[in-house]
Amino acid sequence: MTFDYGSETPPHELAPPPSLLSCVRLRGDQVKLFNFQAKLCNLWKYAEAIPPHRPKQHVICLHHFDRPMKFDRDLDGRTKRETTVKGDIAFLPADAPTMLRPVTRDPHEVLKYSYLVVEPSYLADLALSNGIGRLVDFIPRYAAPDPFLHEIVAALTSASQIKDPAANLFTESLFSAACARILHNYAAARYTLPGPSRLTDDQLRTAIDYIHDHIGGSLELGAISRAAGLSQFHFARLFKAATGLTPFQFVTRTRMKRAKELLGQTRLPVFEIADRVGYQKPSHFSARFRTVWGCSPDAFRKSSAR
């Protein structure tokens, strides 16, 4: 049986389905993050209903359990009893046969967990674009701590709520970090990812010039990295090493500095300044300005006029 973990509608074998708390789509639906909640007693029903199956996608199962829970997991022909807690993950490679059965039986227990679901073709293309030319075999992993991936998923969940034109830079950078983690920790062989050790002065200047020239637009990570002549994966890492800021942080700071100049040097209304620095909604601009500078745009303009 092949199981599509990328579908928001569970197959008919799952009855009743878990509660879907949130879903974040990334990279044109090639990557999805699902956050679920389910009663443990319902998971018993899933275990009885779902036969051994093979995921269509690579699946990172992230556990947010408040206390240790026991499961019997069949994974790639082996069975193991897991005692798993918050911060653990299990890694299910595409096409690896798997099945999960809860051992703990508390009918009142409510579990929260996440699936980060990645289409195999996307991860293969990403590996190839970063110099990993050989086929990559992924290692099935039973539940074990991986706080780094948990932090990324928490940040991705939070990023979906960000009302900011630079938010896509944030999510893309987080996803690049997640993929690097997967390729490094869950591949059959360790690869040294090739690439430059630092941005050249020309690359850094070109990237910063591009940001300044397009400050009123959406400023996607792919466009900035292409201007510098690098892949997104390498650019995000090297840009932070060169500036001390992620692309998202740098773009936000640049927008706010430009807004500060316009507020102090022109009589343009706040809504027009917001548009000039890339914010379609003045309310989002004002909220971000207050976060960065500690006051509203109007209050800053009044203080600078004294």
C-alpha atoms as a PDB file:
ATOM      1  CA  MET A   1       0.000   0.000   0.000  1.00  0.00           C
ATOM      2  CA  THR A   2       1.332   3.443  -0.967  1.00  0.00           C
ATOM      3  CA  PHE A   3       0.438   6.257   1.389  1.00  0.00           C
ATOM      4  CA  ASP A   4       0.313   9.908   0.297  1.00  0.00           C
ATOM      5  CA  TYR A   5       1.444  11.919   3.305  1.00  0.00           C
ATOM      6  CA  GLY A   6       1.209  15.126   1.290  1.00  0.00           C
ATOM      7  CA  SER A   7      -2.587  15.065   1.143  1.00  0.00           C
ATOM      8  CA  GLU A   8      -4.587  17.222   3.534  1.00  0.00           C
ATOM      9  CA  THR A   9      -7.483  14.768   3.228  1.00  0.00           C
ATOM     10  CA  PRO A  10      -6.570  11.502   4.973  1.00  0.00           C
ATOM     11  CA  PRO A  11      -7.370   8.305   3.057  1.00  0.00           C
ATOM     12  CA  HIS A  12     -10.588   6.510   3.862  1.00  0.00           C
ATOM     13  CA  GLU A  13      -8.723   4.043   6.087  1.00  0.00           C
ATOM     14  CA  LEU A  14      -8.242   6.818   8.658  1.00  0.00           C
ATOM     15  CA  ALA A  15     -11.440   7.205  10.630  1.00  0.00           C
ATOM     16  CA  PRO A  16     -11.724   9.378  12.606  1.00  0.00           C
ATOM     17  CA  PRO A  17      -8.922  11.625  11.262  1.00  0.00           C
ATOM     18  CA  PRO A  18      -6.648  13.680  13.537  1.00  0.00           C
ATOM     19  CA  SER A  19      -7.329  17.385  13.968  1.00  0.00           C
ATOM     20  CA  LEU A  20      -5.251  19.427  11.520  1.00  0.00           C
ATOM     21  CA  LEU A  21      -4.043  22.412  13.540  1.00  0.00           C
ATOM     22  CA  SER A  22      -2.196  24.099  10.669  1.00  0.00           C
ATOM     23  CA  CYS A  23      -0.669  23.476   7.256  1.00  0.00           C
ATOM     24  CA  VAL A  24       2.214  25.437   5.729  1.00  0.00           C
ATOM     25  CA  ARG A  25       2.903  24.970   2.023  1.00  0.00           C
ATOM     26  CA  LEU A  26       6.386  25.640   0.738  1.00  0.00           C
ATOM     27  CA  ARG A  27       8.085  25.482  -2.622  1.00  0.00           C
ATOM     28  CA  GLY A  28       4.969  25.124  -4.773  1.00  0.00           C
ATOM     29  CA  ASP A  29       3.495  22.272  -2.706  1.00  0.00           C
ATOM     30  CA  GLN A  30       6.685  20.211  -3.025  1.00  0.00           C
ATOM     31  CA  VAL A  31       7.097  20.620   0.720  1.00  0.00           C
ATOM     32  CA  LYS A  32       4.345  20.753   3.313  1.00  0.00           C
ATOM     33  CA  LEU A  33       4.317  21.078   7.066  1.00  0.00           C
ATOM     34  CA  PHE A  34       1.315  19.606   8.883  1.00  0.00           C
ATOM     35  CA  ASN A  35       0.687  20.178  12.586  1.00  0.00           C
ATOM     36  CA  PHE A  36      -1.728  17.636  14.104  1.00  0.00           C
ATOM     37  CA  GLN A  37      -3.500  16.849  17.328  1.00  0.00           C
ATOM     38  CA  ALA A  38      -5.114  13.489  18.129  1.00  0.00           C
ATOM     39  CA  LYS A  39      -6.431  11.505  21.046  1.00  0.00           C
ATOM     40  CA  LEU A  40      -4.332   8.485  21.864  1.00  0.00           C
ATOM     41  CA  CYS A  41      -7.427   6.276  21.814  1.00  0.00           C
ATOM     42  CA  ASN A  42      -7.997   7.308  18.180  1.00  0.00           C
ATOM     43  CA  LEU A  43      -4.433   6.377  17.302  1.00  0.00           C
ATOM     44  CA  TRP A  44      -5.253   2.828  18.368  1.00  0.00           C
ATOM     45  CA  LYS A  45      -7.929   2.834  15.679  1.00  0.00           C
ATOM     46  CA  TYR A  46      -5.461   4.103  13.086  1.00  0.00           C
ATOM     47  CA  ALA A  47      -3.026   1.350  14.017  1.00  0.00           C
ATOM     48  CA  GLU A  48      -5.708  -1.267  13.479  1.00  0.00           C
ATOM     49  CA  ALA A  49      -6.915   0.309  10.227  1.00  0.00           C
ATOM     50  CA  ILE A  50      -3.633   1.005   8.434  1.00  0.00           C
ATOM     51  CA  PRO A  51      -1.676  -1.992   7.128  1.00  0.00           C
ATOM     52  CA  PRO A  52       2.080  -1.740   6.510  1.00  0.00           C
ATOM     53  CA  HIS A  53       2.521   0.915   3.850  1.00  0.00           C
ATOM     54  CA  ARG A  54       5.121   2.903   1.924  1.00  0.00           C
ATOM     55  CA  PRO A  55       5.191   6.725   1.987  1.00  0.00           C
ATOM     56  CA  LYS A  56       5.216   8.463  -1.380  1.00  0.00           C
ATOM     57  CA  GLN A  57       7.303  11.262   0.139  1.00  0.00           C
ATOM     58  CA  HIS A  58      10.159  11.622   2.609  1.00  0.00           C
ATOM     59  CA  VAL A  59       8.451  12.166   5.967  1.00  0.00           C
ATOM     60  CA  ILE A  60       9.975  13.730   9.071  1.00  0.00           C
ATOM     61  CA  CYS A  61       7.734  12.924  12.054  1.00  0.00           C
ATOM     62  CA  LEU A  62       8.212  15.406  14.880  1.00  0.00           C
ATOM     63  CA  HIS A  63       6.916  14.575  18.344  1.00  0.00           C
ATOM     64  CA  HIS A  64       5.581  17.230  20.714  1.00  0.00           C
ATOM     65  CA  PHE A  65       4.601  14.879  23.540  1.00  0.00           C
ATOM     66  CA  ASP A  66       4.604  16.344  27.038  1.00  0.00           C
ATOM     67  CA  ARG A  67       5.556  13.012  28.630  1.00  0.00           C
ATOM     68  CA  PRO A  68       7.271   9.833  27.379  1.00  0.00           C
ATOM     69  CA  MET A  69       5.113   7.696  25.068  1.00  0.00           C
ATOM     70  CA  LYS A  70       5.704   4.134  23.877  1.00  0.00           C
ATOM     71  CA  PHE A  71       5.161   2.908  20.306  1.00  0.00           C
ATOM     72  CA  ASP A  72       6.039  -0.198  18.332  1.00  0.00           C
ATOM     73  CA  ARG A  73       7.319   0.969  14.960  1.00  0.00           C
ATOM     74  CA  ASP A  74       7.913  -1.261  11.942  1.00  0.00           C
ATOM     75  CA  LEU A  75      10.387   0.483   9.671  1.00  0.00           C
ATOM     76  CA  ASP A  76      12.092  -0.941   6.603  1.00  0.00           C
ATOM     77  CA  GLY A  77      11.743  -4.560   7.729  1.00  0.00           C
ATOM     78  CA  ARG A  78      12.722  -4.023  11.366  1.00  0.00           C
ATOM     79  CA  THR A  79      10.561  -3.577  14.475  1.00  0.00           C
ATOM     80  CA  LYS A  80      11.537  -1.554  17.511  1.00  0.00           C
ATOM     81  CA  ARG A  81       9.751  -0.348  20.630  1.00  0.00           C
ATOM     82  CA  GLU A  82      10.306   3.377  20.982  1.00  0.00           C
ATOM     83  CA  THR A  83      10.034   5.481  24.098  1.00  0.00           C
ATOM     84  CA  THR A  84       9.723   8.940  22.647  1.00  0.00           C
ATOM     85  CA  VAL A  85       9.310  12.429  24.080  1.00  0.00           C
ATOM     86  CA  LYS A  86       9.108  16.036  22.969  1.00  0.00           C
ATOM     87  CA  GLY A  87      12.025  16.920  20.709  1.00  0.00           C
ATOM     88  CA  ASP A  88      12.316  13.492  19.067  1.00  0.00           C
ATOM     89  CA  ILE A  89      11.874  12.777  15.373  1.00  0.00           C
ATOM     90  CA  ALA A  90      11.457   9.665  13.257  1.00  0.00           C
ATOM     91  CA  PHE A  91      12.589   9.768   9.632  1.00  0.00           C
ATOM     92  CA  LEU A  92      10.593   7.762   7.066  1.00  0.00           C
ATOM     93  CA  PRO A  93      12.249   7.742   3.638  1.00  0.00           C
ATOM     94  CA  ALA A  94      10.011   7.486   0.606  1.00  0.00           C
ATOM     95  CA  ASP A  95       9.103   3.893  -0.287  1.00  0.00           C
ATOM     96  CA  ALA A  96      10.400   2.465   3.010  1.00  0.00           C
ATOM     97  CA  PRO A  97       7.700   0.127   4.444  1.00  0.00           C
ATOM     98  CA  THR A  98       6.448   1.335   7.817  1.00  0.00           C
ATOM     99  CA  MET A  99       3.718   0.869  10.422  1.00  0.00           C
ATOM    100  CA  LEU A 100       3.150   2.409  13.876  1.00  0.00           C
ATOM    101  CA  ARG A 101       1.249   0.960  16.845  1.00  0.00           C
ATOM    102  CA  PRO A 102       0.850   2.811  20.168  1.00  0.00           C
ATOM    103  CA  VAL A 103       1.662   0.822  23.303  1.00  0.00           C
ATOM    104  CA  THR A 104       0.687   3.410  25.920  1.00  0.00           C
ATOM    105  CA  ARG A 105      -3.033   3.220  26.606  1.00  0.00           C
ATOM    106  CA  ASP A 106      -4.472   6.311  28.214  1.00  0.00           C
ATOM    107  CA  PRO A 107      -7.818   7.186  26.608  1.00  0.00           C
ATOM    108  CA  HIS A 108      -7.567  10.774  27.802  1.00  0.00           C
ATOM    109  CA  GLU A 109      -4.079  11.463  26.452  1.00  0.00           C
ATOM    110  CA  VAL A 110      -3.948  14.091  23.688  1.00  0.00           C
ATOM    111  CA  LEU A 111      -0.895  14.052  21.429  1.00  0.00           C
ATOM    112  CA  LYS A 112       0.509  16.806  19.263  1.00  0.00           C
ATOM    113  CA  TYR A 113       2.837  15.970  16.393  1.00  0.00           C
ATOM    114  CA  SER A 114       3.996  17.315  13.028  1.00  0.00           C
ATOM    115  CA  TYR A 115       4.871  15.926   9.615  1.00  0.00           C
ATOM    116  CA  LEU A 116       7.382  17.717   7.416  1.00  0.00           C
ATOM    117  CA  VAL A 117       6.682  16.134   4.026  1.00  0.00           C
ATOM    118  CA  VAL A 118       9.168  16.501   1.140  1.00  0.00           C
ATOM    119  CA  GLU A 119       8.686  15.248  -2.418  1.00  0.00           C
ATOM    120  CA  PRO A 120      11.669  13.001  -3.321  1.00  0.00           C
ATOM    121  CA  SER A 121      12.224  14.735  -6.665  1.00  0.00           C
ATOM    122  CA  TYR A 122      12.623  18.082  -4.939  1.00  0.00           C
ATOM    123  CA  LEU A 123      15.230  16.874  -2.455  1.00  0.00           C
ATOM    124  CA  ALA A 124      17.102  15.072  -5.248  1.00  0.00           C
ATOM    125  CA  ASP A 125      17.160  18.244  -7.361  1.00  0.00           C
ATOM    126  CA  LEU A 126      18.338  20.262  -4.379  1.00  0.00           C
ATOM    127  CA  ALA A 127      21.158  17.811  -3.710  1.00  0.00           C
ATOM    128  CA  LEU A 128      22.199  17.881  -7.369  1.00  0.00           C
ATOM    129  CA  SER A 129      22.130  21.684  -7.528  1.00  0.00           C
ATOM    130  CA  ASN A 130      24.524  21.786  -4.589  1.00  0.00           C
ATOM    131  CA  GLY A 131      27.096  19.444  -6.059  1.00  0.00           C
ATOM    132  CA  ILE A 132      25.870  16.065  -4.777  1.00  0.00           C
ATOM    133  CA  GLY A 133      25.907  14.301  -8.134  1.00  0.00           C
ATOM    134  CA  ARG A 134      25.515  10.724  -6.926  1.00  0.00           C
ATOM    135  CA  LEU A 135      22.229   9.128  -5.956  1.00  0.00           C
ATOM    136  CA  VAL A 136      21.480   9.694  -2.284  1.00  0.00           C
ATOM    137  CA  ASP A 137      20.071   6.805  -0.251  1.00  0.00           C
ATOM    138  CA  PHE A 138      18.235   7.869   2.872  1.00  0.00           C
ATOM    139  CA  ILE A 139      18.438   6.045   6.189  1.00  0.00           C
ATOM    140  CA  PRO A 140      15.223   5.142   8.045  1.00  0.00           C
ATOM    141  CA  ARG A 141      15.496   6.404  11.622  1.00  0.00           C
ATOM    142  CA  TYR A 142      13.521   5.481  14.702  1.00  0.00           C
ATOM    143  CA  ALA A 143      12.569   8.223  17.156  1.00  0.00           C
ATOM    144  CA  ALA A 144      15.617  10.068  18.450  1.00  0.00           C
ATOM    145  CA  PRO A 145      16.358  13.637  19.576  1.00  0.00           C
ATOM    146  CA  ASP A 146      16.842  16.272  16.881  1.00  0.00           C
ATOM    147  CA  PRO A 147      16.244  19.649  18.543  1.00  0.00           C
ATOM    148  CA  PHE A 148      17.589  21.512  15.509  1.00  0.00           C
ATOM    149  CA  LEU A 149      14.824  20.246  13.203  1.00  0.00           C
ATOM    150  CA  HIS A 150      12.261  20.931  15.916  1.00  0.00           C
ATOM    151  CA  GLU A 151      13.426  24.526  16.123  1.00  0.00           C
ATOM    152  CA  ILE A 152      13.144  24.877  12.350  1.00  0.00           C
ATOM    153  CA  VAL A 153       9.604  23.488  12.318  1.00  0.00           C
ATOM    154  CA  ALA A 154       8.572  25.790  15.165  1.00  0.00           C
ATOM    155  CA  ALA A 155      10.007  28.742  13.245  1.00  0.00           C
ATOM    156  CA  LEU A 156       8.264  27.674  10.020  1.00  0.00           C
ATOM    157  CA  THR A 157       4.957  27.449  11.874  1.00  0.00           C
ATOM    158  CA  SER A 158       5.507  30.940  13.293  1.00  0.00           C
ATOM    159  CA  ALA A 159       6.643  32.292   9.916  1.00  0.00           C
ATOM    160  CA  SER A 160       3.312  31.362   8.347  1.00  0.00           C
ATOM    161  CA  GLN A 161       1.737  33.994  10.613  1.00  0.00           C
ATOM    162  CA  ILE A 162       4.187  36.764   9.682  1.00  0.00           C
ATOM    163  CA  LYS A 163       2.542  39.569   7.707  1.00  0.00           C
ATOM    164  CA  ASP A 164       5.678  40.944   6.185  1.00  0.00           C
ATOM    165  CA  PRO A 165       6.858  41.180   2.563  1.00  0.00           C
ATOM    166  CA  ALA A 166      10.198  39.672   3.572  1.00  0.00           C
ATOM    167  CA  ALA A 167       8.613  36.638   5.253  1.00  0.00           C
ATOM    168  CA  ASN A 168       9.288  34.468   2.201  1.00  0.00           C
ATOM    169  CA  LEU A 169      13.013  35.078   2.711  1.00  0.00           C
ATOM    170  CA  PHE A 170      12.648  33.775   6.238  1.00  0.00           C
ATOM    171  CA  THR A 171      10.783  30.597   5.279  1.00  0.00           C
ATOM    172  CA  GLU A 172      13.109  29.857   2.356  1.00  0.00           C
ATOM    173  CA  SER A 173      16.160  30.226   4.589  1.00  0.00           C
ATOM    174  CA  LEU A 174      14.615  27.933   7.194  1.00  0.00           C
ATOM    175  CA  PHE A 175      13.756  25.333   4.604  1.00  0.00           C
ATOM    176  CA  SER A 176      17.287  25.419   3.176  1.00  0.00           C
ATOM    177  CA  ALA A 177      18.586  24.726   6.685  1.00  0.00           C
ATOM    178  CA  ALA A 178      16.141  21.835   7.108  1.00  0.00           C
ATOM    179  CA  CYS A 179      17.183  20.263   3.810  1.00  0.00           C
ATOM    180  CA  ALA A 180      20.857  20.623   4.673  1.00  0.00           C
ATOM    181  CA  ARG A 181      20.147  18.827   7.943  1.00  0.00           C
ATOM    182  CA  ILE A 182      18.312  16.018   6.149  1.00  0.00           C
ATOM    183  CA  LEU A 183      21.056  15.571   3.548  1.00  0.00           C
ATOM    184  CA  HIS A 184      23.778  15.607   6.182  1.00  0.00           C
ATOM    185  CA  ASN A 185      22.202  13.490   8.936  1.00  0.00           C
ATOM    186  CA  TYR A 186      19.860  11.126   7.130  1.00  0.00           C
ATOM    187  CA  ALA A 187      21.773  10.166   3.986  1.00  0.00           C
ATOM    188  CA  ALA A 188      23.517   6.824   3.559  1.00  0.00           C
ATOM    189  CA  ALA A 189      26.887   8.532   3.159  1.00  0.00           C
ATOM    190  CA  ARG A 190      28.280  11.770   4.474  1.00  0.00           C
ATOM    191  CA  TYR A 191      28.927  14.326   1.770  1.00  0.00           C
ATOM    192  CA  THR A 192      31.059  17.419   2.027  1.00  0.00           C
ATOM    193  CA  LEU A 193      28.894  20.000   0.342  1.00  0.00           C
ATOM    194  CA  PRO A 194      31.111  21.863  -2.099  1.00  0.00           C
ATOM    195  CA  GLY A 195      30.989  25.564  -2.579  1.00  0.00           C
ATOM    196  CA  PRO A 196      32.717  28.827  -1.740  1.00  0.00           C
ATOM    197  CA  SER A 197      33.892  29.468   1.799  1.00  0.00           C
ATOM    198  CA  ARG A 198      32.879  33.151   1.734  1.00  0.00           C
ATOM    199  CA  LEU A 199      31.193  35.812  -0.350  1.00  0.00           C
ATOM    200  CA  THR A 200      33.582  37.882  -2.409  1.00  0.00           C
ATOM    201  CA  ASP A 201      33.405  41.638  -1.985  1.00  0.00           C
ATOM    202  CA  ASP A 202      31.805  41.912  -5.430  1.00  0.00           C
ATOM    203  CA  GLN A 203      29.180  39.278  -4.621  1.00  0.00           C
ATOM    204  CA  LEU A 204      28.287  40.955  -1.337  1.00  0.00           C
ATOM    205  CA  ARG A 205      28.129  44.398  -2.962  1.00  0.00           C
ATOM    206  CA  THR A 206      25.994  43.066  -5.826  1.00  0.00           C
ATOM    207  CA  ALA A 207      23.558  41.409  -3.425  1.00  0.00           C
ATOM    208  CA  ILE A 208      23.237  44.535  -1.281  1.00  0.00           C
ATOM    209  CA  ASP A 209      22.816  46.745  -4.363  1.00  0.00           C
ATOM    210  CA  TYR A 210      20.069  44.424  -5.611  1.00  0.00           C
ATOM    211  CA  ILE A 211      18.264  44.687  -2.262  1.00  0.00           C
ATOM    212  CA  HIS A 212      18.472  48.500  -2.302  1.00  0.00           C
ATOM    213  CA  ASP A 213      17.312  48.689  -5.936  1.00  0.00           C
ATOM    214  CA  HIS A 214      14.287  46.451  -5.283  1.00  0.00           C
ATOM    215  CA  ILE A 215      13.400  47.554  -1.764  1.00  0.00           C
ATOM    216  CA  GLY A 216       9.801  48.255  -2.801  1.00  0.00           C
ATOM    217  CA  GLY A 217       9.267  44.734  -4.195  1.00  0.00           C
ATOM    218  CA  SER A 218       8.876  41.249  -2.718  1.00  0.00           C
ATOM    219  CA  LEU A 219      12.661  40.523  -2.705  1.00  0.00           C
ATOM    220  CA  GLU A 220      12.698  36.743  -2.949  1.00  0.00           C
ATOM    221  CA  LEU A 221      15.754  34.831  -1.788  1.00  0.00           C
ATOM    222  CA  GLY A 222      16.169  33.170  -5.187  1.00  0.00           C
ATOM    223  CA  ALA A 223      16.414  36.509  -6.990  1.00  0.00           C
ATOM    224  CA  ILE A 224      18.963  37.932  -4.544  1.00  0.00           C
ATOM    225  CA  SER A 225      21.115  34.795  -4.662  1.00  0.00           C
ATOM    226  CA  ARG A 226      20.997  34.736  -8.472  1.00  0.00           C
ATOM    227  CA  ALA A 227      22.181  38.344  -8.543  1.00  0.00           C
ATOM    228  CA  ALA A 228      25.192  37.226  -6.492  1.00  0.00           C
ATOM    229  CA  GLY A 229      25.747  34.216  -8.760  1.00  0.00           C
ATOM    230  CA  LEU A 230      25.113  31.570  -6.067  1.00  0.00           C
ATOM    231  CA  SER A 231      22.536  28.944  -5.160  1.00  0.00           C
ATOM    232  CA  GLN A 232      20.047  29.858  -2.426  1.00  0.00           C
ATOM    233  CA  PHE A 233      21.554  27.179  -0.190  1.00  0.00           C
ATOM    234  CA  HIS A 234      25.069  28.652  -0.260  1.00  0.00           C
ATOM    235  CA  PHE A 235      24.010  32.300  -0.429  1.00  0.00           C
ATOM    236  CA  ALA A 236      21.882  32.293   2.745  1.00  0.00           C
ATOM    237  CA  ARG A 237      24.707  30.718   4.768  1.00  0.00           C
ATOM    238  CA  LEU A 238      27.491  32.911   3.371  1.00  0.00           C
ATOM    239  CA  PHE A 239      25.457  36.128   3.564  1.00  0.00           C
ATOM    240  CA  LYS A 240      24.915  35.665   7.294  1.00  0.00           C
ATOM    241  CA  ALA A 241      28.608  34.877   7.766  1.00  0.00           C
ATOM    242  CA  ALA A 242      29.514  38.102   5.937  1.00  0.00           C
ATOM    243  CA  THR A 243      26.981  40.464   7.512  1.00  0.00           C
ATOM    244  CA  GLY A 244      25.969  38.831  10.796  1.00  0.00           C
ATOM    245  CA  LEU A 245      22.339  38.922   9.611  1.00  0.00           C
ATOM    246  CA  THR A 246      20.121  36.528   7.701  1.00  0.00           C
ATOM    247  CA  PRO A 247      18.799  37.850   4.355  1.00  0.00           C
ATOM    248  CA  PHE A 248      15.392  38.311   6.036  1.00  0.00           C
ATOM    249  CA  GLN A 249      16.884  40.368   8.875  1.00  0.00           C
ATOM    250  CA  PHE A 250      19.018  42.444   6.503  1.00  0.00           C
ATOM    251  CA  VAL A 251      16.102  43.229   4.178  1.00  0.00           C
ATOM    252  CA  THR A 252      13.879  44.211   7.104  1.00  0.00           C
ATOM    253  CA  ARG A 253      16.574  46.487   8.554  1.00  0.00           C
ATOM    254  CA  THR A 254      17.188  48.056   5.139  1.00  0.00           C
ATOM    255  CA  ARG A 255      13.462  48.728   4.672  1.00  0.00           C
ATOM    256  CA  MET A 256      13.211  50.315   8.105  1.00  0.00           C
ATOM    257  CA  LYS A 257      16.293  52.511   7.592  1.00  0.00           C
ATOM    258  CA  ARG A 258      14.872  53.752   4.289  1.00  0.00           C
ATOM    259  CA  ALA A 259      11.501  54.393   5.935  1.00  0.00           C
ATOM    260  CA  LYS A 260      13.215  56.380   8.674  1.00  0.00           C
ATOM    261  CA  GLU A 261      14.929  58.556   6.057  1.00  0.00           C
ATOM    262  CA  LEU A 262      11.683  59.209   4.192  1.00  0.00           C
ATOM    263  CA  LEU A 263       9.810  60.049   7.386  1.00  0.00           C
ATOM    264  CA  GLY A 264      12.465  62.549   8.461  1.00  0.00           C
ATOM    265  CA  GLN A 265      13.287  64.100   5.091  1.00  0.00           C
ATOM    266  CA  THR A 266       9.956  64.198   3.223  1.00  0.00           C
ATOM    267  CA  ARG A 267       6.308  65.013   3.789  1.00  0.00           C
ATOM    268  CA  LEU A 268       5.109  61.829   2.105  1.00  0.00           C
ATOM    269  CA  PRO A 269       2.119  60.253   3.892  1.00  0.00           C
ATOM    270  CA  VAL A 270       2.841  57.117   5.879  1.00  0.00           C
ATOM    271  CA  PHE A 271       0.849  54.887   3.508  1.00  0.00           C
ATOM    272  CA  GLU A 272       3.028  55.992   0.568  1.00  0.00           C
ATOM    273  CA  ILE A 273       6.244  55.445   2.521  1.00  0.00           C
ATOM    274  CA  ALA A 274       4.987  51.976   3.427  1.00  0.00           C
ATOM    275  CA  ASP A 275       4.470  51.211  -0.263  1.00  0.00           C
ATOM    276  CA  ARG A 276       7.915  52.536  -1.207  1.00  0.00           C
ATOM    277  CA  VAL A 277       9.628  50.185   1.218  1.00  0.00           C
ATOM    278  CA  GLY A 278       7.623  47.121   0.172  1.00  0.00           C
ATOM    279  CA  TYR A 279       4.612  47.024   2.490  1.00  0.00           C
ATOM    280  CA  GLN A 280       1.208  46.860   0.833  1.00  0.00           C
ATOM    281  CA  LYS A 281      -0.620  47.366   4.117  1.00  0.00           C
ATOM    282  CA  PRO A 282       0.318  50.438   6.205  1.00  0.00           C
ATOM    283  CA  SER A 283      -0.731  48.615   9.369  1.00  0.00           C
ATOM    284  CA  HIS A 284       1.897  45.915   8.766  1.00  0.00           C
ATOM    285  CA  PHE A 285       4.491  48.587   8.055  1.00  0.00           C
ATOM    286  CA  SER A 286       3.638  50.494  11.239  1.00  0.00           C
ATOM    287  CA  ALA A 287       3.812  47.330  13.355  1.00  0.00           C
ATOM    288  CA  ARG A 288       7.228  46.405  11.952  1.00  0.00           C
ATOM    289  CA  PHE A 289       8.521  49.992  12.345  1.00  0.00           C
ATOM    290  CA  ARG A 290       7.449  50.017  15.988  1.00  0.00           C
ATOM    291  CA  THR A 291       9.181  46.652  16.583  1.00  0.00           C
ATOM    292  CA  VAL A 292      12.471  47.878  15.080  1.00  0.00           C
ATOM    293  CA  TRP A 293      12.564  51.486  16.283  1.00  0.00           C
ATOM    294  CA  GLY A 294      10.360  51.393  19.401  1.00  0.00           C
ATOM    295  CA  CYS A 295       7.809  53.967  18.237  1.00  0.00           C
ATOM    296  CA  SER A 296       5.184  54.461  15.534  1.00  0.00           C
ATOM    297  CA  PRO A 297       6.056  56.161  12.203  1.00  0.00           C
ATOM    298  CA  ASP A 298       3.944  59.189  13.171  1.00  0.00           C
ATOM    299  CA  ALA A 299       5.661  59.498  16.543  1.00  0.00           C
ATOM    300  CA  PHE A 300       9.093  59.277  14.911  1.00  0.00           C
ATOM    301  CA  ARG A 301       8.168  61.979  12.381  1.00  0.00           C
ATOM    302  CA  LYS A 302       6.999  64.313  15.127  1.00  0.00           C
ATOM    303  CA  SER A 303      10.147  63.776  17.195  1.00  0.00           C
ATOM    304  CA  SER A 304      12.446  64.303  14.210  1.00  0.00           C
ATOM    305  CA  ALA A 305      10.710  67.596  13.354  1.00  0.00           C
ATOM    306  CA  ARG A 306      11.645  69.177  16.667  1.00  0.00           C
END
